[in-house]
All heavy atoms as atom14 arrays in JSON, in Angstrom:
{
  "sequence": "RELLENADLVKFAKFKPGEKERDASVGALKDLLV",
  "atom14_mask": [
    [1, 1, 1, 1, 1, 1, 1, 1, 1, 1, 1, 0, 0, 0],
    [1, 1, 1, 1, 1, 1, 1, 1, 1, 0, 0, 0, 0, 0],
    [1, 1, 1, 1, 1, 1, 1, 1, 0, 0, 0, 0, 0, 0],
    [1, 1, 1, 1, 1, 1, 1, 1, 0, 0, 0, 0, 0, 0],
    [1, 1, 1, 1, 1, 1, 1, 1, 1, 0, 0, 0, 0, 0],
    [1, 1, 1, 1, 1, 1, 1, 1, 0, 0, 0, 0, 0, 0],
    [1, 1, 1, 1, 1, 0, 0, 0, 0, 0, 0, 0, 0, 0],
    [1, 1, 1, 1, 1, 1, 1, 1, 0, 0, 0, 0, 0, 0],
    [1, 1, 1, 1, 1, 1, 1, 1, 0, 0, 0, 0, 0, 0],
    [1, 1, 1, 1, 1, 1, 1, 0, 0, 0, 0, 0, 0, 0],
    [1, 1, 1, 1, 1, 1, 1, 1, 1, 0, 0, 0, 0, 0],
    [1, 1, 1, 1, 1, 1, 1, 1, 1, 1, 1, 0, 0, 0],
    [1, 1, 1, 1, 1, 0, 0, 0, 0, 0, 0, 0, 0, 0],
    [1, 1, 1, 1, 1, 1, 1, 1, 1, 0, 0, 0, 0, 0],
    [1, 1, 1, 1, 1, 1, 1, 1, 1, 1, 1, 0, 0, 0],
    [1, 1, 1, 1, 1, 1, 1, 1, 1, 0, 0, 0, 0, 0],
    [1, 1, 1, 1, 1, 1, 1, 0, 0, 0, 0, 0, 0, 0],
    [1, 1, 1, 1, 0, 0, 0, 0, 0, 0, 0, 0, 0, 0],
    [1, 1, 1, 1, 1, 1, 1, 1, 1, 0, 0, 0, 0, 0],
    [1, 1, 1, 1, 1, 1, 1, 1, 1, 0, 0, 0, 0, 0],
    [1, 1, 1, 1, 1, 1, 1, 1, 1, 0, 0, 0, 0, 0],
    [1, 1, 1, 1, 1, 1, 1, 1, 1, 1, 1, 0, 0, 0],
    [1, 1, 1, 1, 1, 1, 1, 1, 0, 0, 0, 0, 0, 0],
    [1, 1, 1, 1, 1, 0, 0, 0, 0, 0, 0, 0, 0, 0],
    [1, 1, 1, 1, 1, 1, 0, 0, 0, 0, 0, 0, 0, 0],
    [1, 1, 1, 1, 1, 1, 1, 0, 0, 0, 0, 0, 0, 0],
    [1, 1, 1, 1, 0, 0, 0, 0, 0, 0, 0, 0, 0, 0],
    [1, 1, 1, 1, 1, 0, 0, 0, 0, 0, 0, 0, 0, 0],
    [1, 1, 1, 1, 1, 1, 1, 1, 0, 0, 0, 0, 0, 0],
    [1, 1, 1, 1, 1, 1, 1, 1, 1, 0, 0, 0, 0, 0],
    [1, 1, 1, 1, 1, 1, 1, 1, 0, 0, 0, 0, 0, 0],
    [1, 1, 1, 1, 1, 1, 1, 1, 0, 0, 0, 0, 0, 0],
    [1, 1, 1, 1, 1, 1, 1, 1, 0, 0, 0, 0, 0, 0],
    [1, 1, 1, 1, 1, 1, 1, 0, 0, 0, 0, 0, 0, 0]
  ],
  "atom14_positions": [
    [[7.12, 30.21, -3.54], [6.91, 30.98, -2.35], [5.76, 30.51, -1.51], [5.89, 30.28, -0.3], [6.79, 32.44, -2.66], [6.52, 33.28, -1.44], [6.46, 34.77, -1.74], [7.68, 35.36, -2.08], [8.63, 35.62, -1.26], [8.53, 35.4, 0.02], [9.76, 36.15, -1.75], [0.0, 0.0, 0.0], [0.0, 0.0, 0.0], [0.0, 0.0, 0.0]],
    [[4.61, 30.19, -2.21], [3.48, 29.7, -1.53], [3.67, 28.39, -0.86], [3.25, 28.12, 0.31], [2.22, 29.72, -2.42], [1.69, 31.03, -2.88], [0.68, 30.99, -3.92], [0.47, 29.94, -4.58], [0.11, 32.06, -4.25], [0.0, 0.0, 0.0], [0.0, 0.0, 0.0], [0.0, 0.0, 0.0], [0.0, 0.0, 0.0], [0.0, 0.0, 0.0]],
    [[4.25, 27.46, -1.55], [4.55, 26.11, -1.05], [5.45, 26.26, 0.19], [5.12, 25.7, 1.25], [5.25, 25.28, -2.12], [5.75, 23.93, -1.53], [4.57, 22.99, -1.24], [6.68, 23.22, -2.56], [0.0, 0.0, 0.0], [0.0, 0.0, 0.0], [0.0, 0.0, 0.0], [0.0, 0.0, 0.0], [0.0, 0.0, 0.0], [0.0, 0.0, 0.0]],
    [[6.51, 27.0, 0.14], [7.43, 27.1, 1.26], [6.85, 27.9, 2.44], [7.1, 27.53, 3.61], [8.76, 27.69, 0.78], [9.51, 26.88, -0.19], [10.79, 27.59, -0.71], [9.94, 25.55, 0.44], [0.0, 0.0, 0.0], [0.0, 0.0, 0.0], [0.0, 0.0, 0.0], [0.0, 0.0, 0.0], [0.0, 0.0, 0.0], [0.0, 0.0, 0.0]],
    [[6.08, 28.92, 2.1], [5.43, 29.69, 3.14], [4.39, 28.8, 3.96], [4.26, 28.89, 5.2], [4.76, 30.97, 2.69], [5.84, 32.03, 2.38], [5.22, 33.32, 1.8], [4.04, 33.31, 1.23], [5.88, 34.32, 1.8], [0.0, 0.0, 0.0], [0.0, 0.0, 0.0], [0.0, 0.0, 0.0], [0.0, 0.0, 0.0], [0.0, 0.0, 0.0]],
    [[3.65, 28.0, 3.19], [2.64, 27.15, 3.81], [3.39, 26.13, 4.8], [2.88, 25.86, 5.77], [1.8, 26.41, 2.75], [0.76, 27.33, 2.14], [0.46, 28.34, 2.64], [0.4, 26.93, 0.94], [0.0, 0.0, 0.0], [0.0, 0.0, 0.0], [0.0, 0.0, 0.0], [0.0, 0.0, 0.0], [0.0, 0.0, 0.0], [0.0, 0.0, 0.0]],
    [[4.41, 25.56, 4.23], [5.26, 24.64, 5.08], [5.77, 25.34, 6.34], [5.75, 24.78, 7.47], [6.39, 24.06, 4.27], [0.0, 0.0, 0.0], [0.0, 0.0, 0.0], [0.0, 0.0, 0.0], [0.0, 0.0, 0.0], [0.0, 0.0, 0.0], [0.0, 0.0, 0.0], [0.0, 0.0, 0.0], [0.0, 0.0, 0.0], [0.0, 0.0, 0.0]],
    [[6.24, 26.62, 6.14], [6.76, 27.33, 7.28], [5.7, 27.61, 8.3], [5.92, 27.52, 9.54], [7.3, 28.68, 6.92], [8.62, 28.49, 6.11], [9.27, 27.52, 6.09], [9.1, 29.56, 5.45], [0.0, 0.0, 0.0], [0.0, 0.0, 0.0], [0.0, 0.0, 0.0], [0.0, 0.0, 0.0], [0.0, 0.0, 0.0], [0.0, 0.0, 0.0]],
    [[4.46, 27.84, 7.86], [3.29, 28.09, 8.8], [3.02, 26.87, 9.67], [2.88, 26.93, 10.89], [2.02, 28.5, 8.01], [1.99, 29.94, 7.52], [0.73, 30.01, 6.64], [1.92, 30.89, 8.67], [0.0, 0.0, 0.0], [0.0, 0.0, 0.0], [0.0, 0.0, 0.0], [0.0, 0.0, 0.0], [0.0, 0.0, 0.0], [0.0, 0.0, 0.0]],
    [[3.16, 25.74, 9.05], [2.93, 24.49, 9.82], [4.07, 24.21, 10.68], [3.88, 23.84, 11.91], [2.65, 23.35, 8.78], [2.62, 22.0, 9.57], [1.45, 23.53, 7.95], [0.0, 0.0, 0.0], [0.0, 0.0, 0.0], [0.0, 0.0, 0.0], [0.0, 0.0, 0.0], [0.0, 0.0, 0.0], [0.0, 0.0, 0.0], [0.0, 0.0, 0.0]],
    [[5.34, 24.44, 10.23], [6.52, 23.99, 11.01], [6.64, 25.01, 12.11], [7.19, 24.55, 13.2], [7.75, 23.95, 10.12], [7.63, 22.86, 9.05], [8.86, 22.69, 8.18], [9.52, 23.94, 7.7], [10.67, 23.72, 6.76], [0.0, 0.0, 0.0], [0.0, 0.0, 0.0], [0.0, 0.0, 0.0], [0.0, 0.0, 0.0], [0.0, 0.0, 0.0]],
    [[6.5, 26.28, 11.93], [6.88, 27.25, 12.96], [5.73, 28.0, 13.63], [5.91, 28.39, 14.76], [7.83, 28.29, 12.28], [9.04, 27.64, 11.59], [9.2, 27.75, 10.26], [9.91, 26.91, 12.33], [10.36, 27.21, 9.66], [11.05, 26.29, 11.77], [11.23, 26.46, 10.4], [0.0, 0.0, 0.0], [0.0, 0.0, 0.0], [0.0, 0.0, 0.0]],
    [[4.57, 28.07, 12.96], [3.52, 28.84, 13.58], [2.36, 27.91, 14.06], [1.28, 28.31, 14.45], [2.92, 29.86, 12.58], [0.0, 0.0, 0.0], [0.0, 0.0, 0.0], [0.0, 0.0, 0.0], [0.0, 0.0, 0.0], [0.0, 0.0, 0.0], [0.0, 0.0, 0.0], [0.0, 0.0, 0.0], [0.0, 0.0, 0.0], [0.0, 0.0, 0.0]],
    [[2.67, 26.58, 13.95], [1.7, 25.54, 14.45], [0.37, 25.6, 13.73], [-0.69, 25.24, 14.36], [1.55, 25.68, 15.93], [2.89, 25.47, 16.68], [2.83, 25.42, 18.16], [4.11, 25.18, 18.63], [4.8, 25.14, 19.65], [0.0, 0.0, 0.0], [0.0, 0.0, 0.0], [0.0, 0.0, 0.0], [0.0, 0.0, 0.0], [0.0, 0.0, 0.0]],
    [[0.35, 26.07, 12.45], [-0.85, 26.04, 11.69], [-1.22, 24.58, 11.45], [-0.37, 23.72, 11.2], [-0.6, 26.78, 10.37], [-1.77, 26.62, 9.45], [-2.95, 27.27, 9.68], [-1.58, 25.96, 8.19], [-4.11, 27.15, 8.79], [-2.66, 25.85, 7.29], [-3.92, 26.48, 7.6], [0.0, 0.0, 0.0], [0.0, 0.0, 0.0], [0.0, 0.0, 0.0]],
    [[-2.53, 24.25, 11.51], [-2.99, 22.88, 11.33], [-3.87, 22.87, 10.05], [-5.06, 23.12, 10.11], [-3.86, 22.5, 12.53], [-3.09, 22.42, 13.83], [-2.15, 21.22, 13.87], [-1.6, 21.15, 15.31], [-0.4, 20.29, 15.35], [0.0, 0.0, 0.0], [0.0, 0.0, 0.0], [0.0, 0.0, 0.0], [0.0, 0.0, 0.0], [0.0, 0.0, 0.0]],
    [[-3.22, 22.52, 8.86], [-4.04, 22.53, 7.63], [-4.84, 21.2, 7.6], [-4.53, 20.17, 8.29], [-2.87, 22.33, 6.61], [-1.75, 21.71, 7.38], [-1.83, 22.16, 8.73], [0.0, 0.0, 0.0], [0.0, 0.0, 0.0], [0.0, 0.0, 0.0], [0.0, 0.0, 0.0], [0.0, 0.0, 0.0], [0.0, 0.0, 0.0], [0.0, 0.0, 0.0]],
    [[-5.87, 21.29, 6.8], [-6.74, 20.11, 6.63], [-6.27, 19.31, 5.38], [-5.28, 19.68, 4.68], [0.0, 0.0, 0.0], [0.0, 0.0, 0.0], [0.0, 0.0, 0.0], [0.0, 0.0, 0.0], [0.0, 0.0, 0.0], [0.0, 0.0, 0.0], [0.0, 0.0, 0.0], [0.0, 0.0, 0.0], [0.0, 0.0, 0.0], [0.0, 0.0, 0.0]],
    [[-7.02, 18.37, 4.99], [-6.73, 17.52, 3.86], [-6.69, 18.29, 2.56], [-5.77, 18.01, 1.7], [-7.6, 16.34, 3.8], [-7.44, 15.3, 4.9], [-8.29, 14.12, 4.81], [-8.95, 13.88, 3.69], [-8.33, 13.35, 5.76], [0.0, 0.0, 0.0], [0.0, 0.0, 0.0], [0.0, 0.0, 0.0], [0.0, 0.0, 0.0], [0.0, 0.0, 0.0]],
    [[-7.55, 19.29, 2.45], [-7.67, 20.07, 1.21], [-6.33, 20.91, 1.08], [-5.74, 20.85, -0.07], [-8.87, 21.03, 1.26], [-9.02, 21.93, 0.1], [-10.25, 22.82, 0.27], [-10.33, 23.75, -0.97], [-11.5, 24.61, -0.83], [0.0, 0.0, 0.0], [0.0, 0.0, 0.0], [0.0, 0.0, 0.0], [0.0, 0.0, 0.0], [0.0, 0.0, 0.0]],
    [[-5.79, 21.45, 2.11], [-4.53, 22.21, 2.0], [-3.38, 21.27, 1.8], [-2.46, 21.59, 1.08], [-4.31, 22.99, 3.38], [-5.23, 24.15, 3.6], [-6.51, 23.81, 4.27], [-6.71, 22.58, 4.62], [-7.36, 24.73, 4.43], [0.0, 0.0, 0.0], [0.0, 0.0, 0.0], [0.0, 0.0, 0.0], [0.0, 0.0, 0.0], [0.0, 0.0, 0.0]],
    [[-3.41, 20.04, 2.42], [-2.4, 19.02, 2.23], [-2.32, 18.69, 0.76], [-1.25, 18.66, 0.15], [-2.65, 17.85, 3.07], [-1.72, 16.71, 2.87], [-2.23, 15.31, 3.13], [-3.4, 15.05, 2.35], [-4.29, 14.03, 2.62], [-4.09, 13.31, 3.74], [-5.24, 13.79, 1.8], [0.0, 0.0, 0.0], [0.0, 0.0, 0.0], [0.0, 0.0, 0.0]],
    [[-3.5, 18.45, 0.21], [-3.54, 17.93, -1.19], [-3.0, 19.04, -2.16], [-2.32, 18.81, -3.09], [-4.96, 17.51, -1.6], [-5.33, 16.21, -0.86], [-4.53, 15.54, -0.23], [-6.57, 15.92, -0.89], [0.0, 0.0, 0.0], [0.0, 0.0, 0.0], [0.0, 0.0, 0.0], [0.0, 0.0, 0.0], [0.0, 0.0, 0.0], [0.0, 0.0, 0.0]],
    [[-3.37, 20.33, -1.85], [-2.86, 21.46, -2.64], [-1.4, 21.55, -2.47], [-0.71, 21.86, -3.51], [-3.62, 22.74, -2.15], [0.0, 0.0, 0.0], [0.0, 0.0, 0.0], [0.0, 0.0, 0.0], [0.0, 0.0, 0.0], [0.0, 0.0, 0.0], [0.0, 0.0, 0.0], [0.0, 0.0, 0.0], [0.0, 0.0, 0.0], [0.0, 0.0, 0.0]],
    [[-0.84, 21.4, -1.41], [0.62, 21.43, -1.19], [1.33, 20.31, -1.94], [2.36, 20.59, -2.54], [0.97, 21.44, 0.27], [0.58, 22.59, 0.91], [0.0, 0.0, 0.0], [0.0, 0.0, 0.0], [0.0, 0.0, 0.0], [0.0, 0.0, 0.0], [0.0, 0.0, 0.0], [0.0, 0.0, 0.0], [0.0, 0.0, 0.0], [0.0, 0.0, 0.0]],
    [[0.83, 19.11, -1.84], [1.44, 18.06, -2.6], [1.34, 18.28, -4.06], [2.33, 18.0, -4.81], [0.73, 16.71, -2.2], [1.23, 15.57, -3.15], [1.08, 16.32, -0.75], [0.0, 0.0, 0.0], [0.0, 0.0, 0.0], [0.0, 0.0, 0.0], [0.0, 0.0, 0.0], [0.0, 0.0, 0.0], [0.0, 0.0, 0.0], [0.0, 0.0, 0.0]],
    [[0.17, 18.76, -4.54], [0.0, 19.12, -5.97], [1.03, 20.26, -6.4], [1.57, 20.07, -7.53], [0.0, 0.0, 0.0], [0.0, 0.0, 0.0], [0.0, 0.0, 0.0], [0.0, 0.0, 0.0], [0.0, 0.0, 0.0], [0.0, 0.0, 0.0], [0.0, 0.0, 0.0], [0.0, 0.0, 0.0], [0.0, 0.0, 0.0], [0.0, 0.0, 0.0]],
    [[1.15, 21.23, -5.58], [2.04, 22.25, -5.91], [3.49, 21.74, -6.0], [4.22, 22.1, -6.94], [2.01, 23.43, -4.89], [0.0, 0.0, 0.0], [0.0, 0.0, 0.0], [0.0, 0.0, 0.0], [0.0, 0.0, 0.0], [0.0, 0.0, 0.0], [0.0, 0.0, 0.0], [0.0, 0.0, 0.0], [0.0, 0.0, 0.0], [0.0, 0.0, 0.0]],
    [[3.94, 20.83, -5.11], [5.26, 20.33, -5.15], [5.42, 19.51, -6.5], [6.39, 19.7, -7.19], [5.45, 19.42, -3.94], [6.81, 18.61, -3.95], [7.99, 19.57, -3.93], [6.91, 17.67, -2.84], [0.0, 0.0, 0.0], [0.0, 0.0, 0.0], [0.0, 0.0, 0.0], [0.0, 0.0, 0.0], [0.0, 0.0, 0.0], [0.0, 0.0, 0.0]],
    [[4.51, 18.69, -6.72], [4.46, 17.84, -8.03], [4.58, 18.75, -9.3], [5.4, 18.56, -10.16], [3.3, 16.92, -8.12], [3.36, 15.78, -7.22], [2.06, 14.94, -7.4], [2.06, 13.86, -6.38], [0.85, 12.99, -6.48], [0.0, 0.0, 0.0], [0.0, 0.0, 0.0], [0.0, 0.0, 0.0], [0.0, 0.0, 0.0], [0.0, 0.0, 0.0]],
    [[3.78, 19.84, -9.28], [3.74, 20.77, -10.39], [5.16, 21.43, -10.56], [5.64, 21.54, -11.69], [2.69, 21.87, -10.23], [1.27, 21.34, -10.41], [1.1, 20.18, -10.82], [0.4, 22.1, -10.0], [0.0, 0.0, 0.0], [0.0, 0.0, 0.0], [0.0, 0.0, 0.0], [0.0, 0.0, 0.0], [0.0, 0.0, 0.0], [0.0, 0.0, 0.0]],
    [[5.73, 21.87, -9.53], [7.02, 22.52, -9.52], [8.14, 21.56, -10.0], [8.94, 21.95, -10.86], [7.38, 23.07, -8.16], [6.56, 24.34, -7.73], [6.75, 24.62, -6.27], [7.03, 25.54, -8.55], [0.0, 0.0, 0.0], [0.0, 0.0, 0.0], [0.0, 0.0, 0.0], [0.0, 0.0, 0.0], [0.0, 0.0, 0.0], [0.0, 0.0, 0.0]],
    [[8.12, 20.34, -9.53], [9.13, 19.4, -9.94], [9.0, 19.1, -11.42], [9.95, 18.96, -12.06], [9.05, 18.12, -9.1], [9.4, 18.26, -7.58], [9.19, 17.01, -6.83], [10.73, 18.95, -7.35], [0.0, 0.0, 0.0], [0.0, 0.0, 0.0], [0.0, 0.0, 0.0], [0.0, 0.0, 0.0], [0.0, 0.0, 0.0], [0.0, 0.0, 0.0]],
    [[7.74, 18.87, -11.87], [7.51, 18.69, -13.3], [8.0, 19.83, -14.13], [8.7, 19.72, -15.1], [6.0, 18.36, -13.61], [5.77, 18.43, -15.04], [5.68, 17.0, -13.07], [0.0, 0.0, 0.0], [0.0, 0.0, 0.0], [0.0, 0.0, 0.0], [0.0, 0.0, 0.0], [0.0, 0.0, 0.0], [0.0, 0.0, 0.0], [0.0, 0.0, 0.0]]
  ]
}
């Protein structure tokens, strides 16, 4: 839910994450796939 909601915020609410948020999202995706 957190991964998809963060992606939704960027895609639809024009949220501008920083590198820290980007790295956390990439890490979450990897963790979920594993």
